[in-house]
N, C-alpha and C. Protein backbone atom coordinates (compact mmCIF):
# COMPACT_ATOMS: atom_id res chain seq x y z
N MET A 1 19.61 -3.19 -6.07
CA MET A 1 18.16 -3.42 -5.92
C MET A 1 17.42 -2.14 -5.80
N PHE A 2 18.01 -1.13 -5.13
CA PHE A 2 17.19 0.45 -5.02
C PHE A 2 18.10 1.22 -5.88
N GLY A 3 19.31 0.72 -6.31
CA GLY A 3 20.13 1.91 -6.96
C GLY A 3 20.73 3.07 -6.15
N VAL A 4 20.85 2.64 -4.98
CA VAL A 4 21.68 3.52 -3.83
C VAL A 4 22.75 2.79 -3.28
N ASN A 5 23.61 3.65 -2.79
CA ASN A 5 24.89 3.24 -2.31
C ASN A 5 24.68 2.47 -1.06
N VAL A 6 25.68 1.59 -0.89
CA VAL A 6 25.57 0.58 0.47
C VAL A 6 25.47 1.76 1.70
N SER A 7 26.34 2.75 1.59
CA SER A 7 26.50 3.56 2.90
C SER A 7 24.96 4.34 3.10
N LEU A 8 24.15 4.41 2.16
CA LEU A 8 22.88 4.89 2.48
C LEU A 8 22.00 3.85 3.03
N ILE A 9 22.13 2.53 2.59
CA ILE A 9 21.45 1.55 3.13
C ILE A 9 21.67 1.51 4.83
N ARG A 10 23.32 1.60 5.00
CA ARG A 10 23.49 1.32 6.34
C ARG A 10 22.88 2.62 7.27
N TYR A 11 22.96 3.93 6.65
CA TYR A 11 22.46 5.12 7.02
C TYR A 11 20.77 4.86 7.60
N TRP A 12 20.27 4.43 6.47
CA TRP A 12 18.71 4.26 7.08
C TRP A 12 18.74 3.53 8.20
N GLU A 13 19.35 2.14 7.92
CA GLU A 13 19.47 1.32 9.38
C GLU A 13 19.45 2.12 10.34
N LYS A 14 20.52 2.94 10.67
CA LYS A 14 20.54 3.62 11.78
C LYS A 14 19.17 4.78 12.21
N GLU A 15 18.93 5.11 10.97
CA GLU A 15 17.96 6.19 11.29
C GLU A 15 16.54 5.61 11.39
N PHE A 16 16.27 4.48 11.05
CA PHE A 16 15.05 4.00 10.96
C PHE A 16 14.92 2.44 12.15
N ASP A 17 14.04 2.62 13.22
CA ASP A 17 14.16 1.74 14.14
C ASP A 17 13.47 0.10 13.67
N ILE A 18 12.78 0.29 12.32
CA ILE A 18 12.00 -0.72 11.83
C ILE A 18 13.13 -1.82 11.15
N ILE A 19 14.27 -1.12 10.69
CA ILE A 19 14.99 -2.30 10.15
C ILE A 19 15.88 -2.70 11.30
N LYS A 20 15.94 -4.27 11.64
CA LYS A 20 16.90 -4.71 12.50
C LYS A 20 17.43 -6.04 11.68
N PRO A 21 18.47 -5.49 10.97
CA PRO A 21 19.16 -7.02 10.59
C PRO A 21 19.85 -7.89 11.47
N PHE A 22 19.91 -9.25 11.22
CA PHE A 22 20.70 -10.13 11.92
C PHE A 22 22.02 -10.05 11.65
N ARG A 23 23.10 -9.89 12.59
CA ARG A 23 24.45 -9.94 12.38
C ARG A 23 25.21 -11.12 12.83
N ASN A 24 26.08 -11.54 11.90
CA ASN A 24 26.95 -12.97 12.48
C ASN A 24 28.01 -12.30 13.27
N LYS A 25 28.82 -13.14 13.57
CA LYS A 25 30.12 -12.98 14.54
C LYS A 25 31.15 -11.92 13.82
N LYS A 26 31.16 -12.07 12.51
CA LYS A 26 31.84 -10.91 11.55
C LYS A 26 31.50 -9.65 11.71
N GLY A 27 30.13 -9.63 11.71
CA GLY A 27 29.44 -8.43 11.94
C GLY A 27 28.40 -8.02 10.39
N ASN A 28 28.64 -9.23 9.81
CA ASN A 28 28.06 -9.21 8.36
C ASN A 28 26.46 -8.94 8.89
N ARG A 29 25.66 -8.16 7.87
CA ARG A 29 24.13 -8.16 7.89
C ARG A 29 23.48 -8.97 7.12
N PHE A 30 22.45 -9.41 7.86
CA PHE A 30 21.58 -10.64 7.00
C PHE A 30 20.19 -9.75 7.34
N PHE A 31 19.74 -9.48 6.01
CA PHE A 31 18.12 -8.63 6.14
C PHE A 31 17.17 -9.54 6.02
N THR A 32 15.99 -9.63 6.88
CA THR A 32 14.65 -10.48 6.58
C THR A 32 14.27 -9.65 5.28
N LYS A 33 12.99 -10.56 4.99
CA LYS A 33 12.01 -10.08 3.81
C LYS A 33 11.48 -9.07 4.54
N GLN A 34 11.24 -8.88 5.63
CA GLN A 34 10.58 -7.73 6.51
C GLN A 34 11.34 -6.52 6.47
N ASP A 35 12.59 -6.62 6.69
CA ASP A 35 13.57 -5.56 6.18
C ASP A 35 13.68 -4.88 5.08
N VAL A 36 13.56 -5.87 4.10
CA VAL A 36 13.64 -5.57 2.66
C VAL A 36 12.37 -4.65 2.05
N ASP A 37 11.13 -5.38 2.78
CA ASP A 37 10.22 -4.35 2.47
C ASP A 37 9.81 -3.04 3.09
N ASN A 38 10.63 -3.00 4.26
CA ASN A 38 10.94 -1.64 4.96
C ASN A 38 11.78 -0.92 4.33
N PHE A 39 12.75 -1.10 3.38
CA PHE A 39 13.41 -0.65 2.87
C PHE A 39 12.86 -0.01 1.59
N HIS A 40 11.99 -0.88 0.91
CA HIS A 40 10.97 -0.28 -0.01
C HIS A 40 10.17 0.67 0.26
N LEU A 41 9.52 0.89 1.58
CA LEU A 41 8.78 1.70 1.99
C LEU A 41 9.49 2.97 2.14
N ILE A 42 10.74 2.94 2.75
CA ILE A 42 11.69 4.00 3.17
C ILE A 42 12.00 4.65 1.96
N TYR A 43 12.27 3.91 0.90
CA TYR A 43 12.82 4.20 -0.46
C TYR A 43 11.57 5.07 -1.08
N HIS A 44 10.55 4.52 -1.10
CA HIS A 44 9.41 5.11 -1.63
C HIS A 44 9.06 6.54 -0.93
N LEU A 45 8.99 6.67 0.11
CA LEU A 45 8.69 7.80 1.00
C LEU A 45 9.71 9.00 0.76
N VAL A 46 11.07 8.37 0.82
CA VAL A 46 12.06 9.51 0.68
C VAL A 46 12.49 9.94 -0.80
N LYS A 47 12.65 8.81 -1.51
CA LYS A 47 13.33 9.24 -2.94
C LYS A 47 12.22 9.46 -3.87
N GLU A 48 10.88 8.58 -3.63
CA GLU A 48 10.16 8.71 -4.86
C GLU A 48 8.98 10.04 -4.43
N ARG A 49 8.50 10.18 -3.03
CA ARG A 49 7.60 11.15 -2.58
C ARG A 49 8.21 12.13 -1.99
N GLY A 50 9.67 12.15 -1.87
CA GLY A 50 10.23 13.42 -1.35
C GLY A 50 10.13 13.81 -0.04
N PHE A 51 9.63 12.78 0.87
CA PHE A 51 10.07 13.22 2.45
C PHE A 51 11.18 13.43 2.98
N THR A 52 11.09 14.22 3.94
CA THR A 52 12.62 14.18 4.94
C THR A 52 12.89 12.83 5.52
N LEU A 53 13.76 12.36 6.34
CA LEU A 53 13.88 11.46 7.10
C LEU A 53 12.95 11.53 8.22
N GLN A 54 12.97 12.72 8.90
CA GLN A 54 11.88 12.82 10.00
C GLN A 54 10.45 12.49 9.65
N GLY A 55 10.18 13.21 8.26
CA GLY A 55 8.81 13.08 7.63
C GLY A 55 8.30 11.53 7.61
N ALA A 56 9.34 10.80 6.97
CA ALA A 56 9.22 9.59 6.77
C ALA A 56 8.99 8.51 8.00
N ARG A 57 10.00 8.86 8.83
CA ARG A 57 9.67 8.20 10.20
C ARG A 57 8.33 8.38 10.89
N GLU A 58 8.07 9.73 10.94
CA GLU A 58 6.73 9.91 11.36
C GLU A 58 5.33 9.47 10.61
N LYS A 59 5.52 9.57 9.38
CA LYS A 59 4.59 8.90 8.21
C LYS A 59 4.16 7.48 8.89
N LEU A 60 5.68 6.69 8.86
CA LEU A 60 5.51 5.19 9.15
C LEU A 60 4.92 4.83 10.40
N LYS A 61 5.25 5.64 11.42
CA LYS A 61 4.77 5.38 12.75
C LYS A 61 3.11 5.63 12.90
N ALA A 62 2.78 6.88 12.26
CA ALA A 62 1.34 7.01 12.22
C ALA A 62 0.60 6.37 11.20
N ASN A 63 0.89 5.81 9.92
CA ASN A 63 0.10 5.14 9.50
C ASN A 63 0.88 4.18 8.30
N ARG A 64 1.59 3.31 9.11
CA ARG A 64 2.18 2.44 8.49
C ARG A 64 1.55 1.55 7.33
N ASP A 65 0.19 1.08 7.86
CA ASP A 65 -0.55 0.08 6.93
C ASP A 65 -1.17 1.07 5.72
N ASP A 66 -1.19 2.42 5.71
CA ASP A 66 -1.67 3.17 4.67
C ASP A 66 -0.61 3.25 3.85
N VAL A 67 0.78 3.45 4.29
CA VAL A 67 1.82 3.89 3.13
C VAL A 67 2.20 2.36 2.91
N THR A 68 1.98 1.25 3.52
CA THR A 68 2.22 0.07 2.82
C THR A 68 1.13 -0.01 1.61
N ALA A 69 -0.31 -0.04 1.82
CA ALA A 69 -1.20 -0.29 0.71
C ALA A 69 -0.76 0.85 -0.44
N ASN A 70 -0.53 1.86 0.10
CA ASN A 70 -0.43 3.11 -1.02
C ASN A 70 0.97 2.62 -1.86
N HIS A 71 2.05 2.08 -1.27
CA HIS A 71 3.20 1.79 -2.29
C HIS A 71 2.82 0.40 -3.06
N GLU A 72 1.93 -0.48 -2.57
CA GLU A 72 1.59 -1.61 -3.31
C GLU A 72 0.72 -1.04 -4.65
N VAL A 73 -0.30 -0.10 -4.47
CA VAL A 73 -0.98 0.47 -5.22
C VAL A 73 -0.28 1.18 -6.47
N VAL A 74 0.84 1.76 -5.94
CA VAL A 74 1.74 2.69 -7.03
C VAL A 74 2.68 1.65 -7.58
N LYS A 75 3.04 0.66 -7.03
CA LYS A 75 3.84 -0.71 -7.57
C LYS A 75 2.91 -1.19 -8.78
N THR A 76 1.65 -1.61 -8.55
CA THR A 76 0.90 -2.19 -9.62
C THR A 76 0.43 -1.40 -10.48
N LEU A 77 0.30 0.02 -10.02
CA LEU A 77 0.06 1.11 -11.52
C LEU A 77 1.34 1.07 -12.40
N GLN A 78 2.60 1.24 -11.82
CA GLN A 78 3.92 1.19 -12.42
C GLN A 78 3.67 -0.13 -13.42
N GLN A 79 3.42 -1.22 -12.78
CA GLN A 79 3.57 -2.40 -13.68
C GLN A 79 2.77 -2.54 -14.92
N MET A 80 1.33 -1.90 -14.48
CA MET A 80 0.31 -1.82 -15.76
C MET A 80 0.82 -1.11 -16.64
N ARG A 81 1.42 0.04 -16.33
CA ARG A 81 1.65 1.25 -17.14
C ARG A 81 2.92 0.66 -18.23
N ALA A 82 3.78 -0.02 -17.44
CA ALA A 82 4.72 -0.69 -18.29
C ALA A 82 4.16 -1.77 -19.34
N PHE A 83 3.51 -2.57 -18.81
CA PHE A 83 2.76 -3.61 -19.73
C PHE A 83 1.76 -2.85 -21.05
N LEU A 84 1.42 -1.59 -20.55
CA LEU A 84 0.41 -1.16 -21.71
C LEU A 84 1.49 -0.37 -22.59
N LEU A 85 2.53 0.37 -22.24
CA LEU A 85 3.27 0.72 -22.97
C LEU A 85 4.04 -0.37 -24.00
N GLU A 86 4.32 -1.41 -23.51
CA GLU A 86 5.04 -2.69 -24.15
C GLU A 86 3.98 -3.13 -25.15
N LEU A 87 2.82 -2.94 -24.83
CA LEU A 87 1.61 -3.55 -25.77
C LEU A 87 1.50 -2.49 -26.95
N LYS A 88 1.37 -1.47 -26.64
CA LYS A 88 1.35 -0.17 -27.52
C LYS A 88 2.56 -0.39 -28.60
N GLN A 89 4.00 -0.41 -28.10
CA GLN A 89 4.86 -0.50 -28.84
C GLN A 89 4.82 -1.74 -29.87
N ASN A 90 4.38 -2.85 -29.45
CA ASN A 90 3.93 -3.95 -30.32
C ASN A 90 3.18 -3.69 -31.18
N LEU A 91 2.07 -3.25 -30.78
CA LEU A 91 0.88 -2.79 -31.90
C LEU A 91 1.42 -2.01 -32.91
N SER A 92 2.42 -1.00 -32.51
CA SER A 92 2.87 -0.03 -33.74
C SER A 92 3.85 -0.97 -34.57
N GLU A 93 4.32 -1.92 -34.49
CA GLU A 93 5.47 -2.39 -35.12
C GLU A 93 4.64 -3.42 -36.06
N ASP A 94 3.51 -3.73 -35.79
CA ASP A 94 2.76 -4.59 -36.62
C ASP A 94 2.04 -3.88 -38.07
């Protein structure tokens, strides 16, 4: 989903208190939709914007709503860009 190792997911789980997966008796993790959304935010801050883990933690604590809104805008713009590039390619072929 994110193109990262499972070990990094486990590491982020330990580093960020906003991720709280349910564990069954075997110890398997079950992530909620909120957990997955939180992983997206962490990935956006750390991998795409270059924040340190400490910086990402502080940013999420200070303005989680702003980070979420910003991430949604970036996602929408990326989708629009992909659509426009595909449209351009289709027009070039004709």
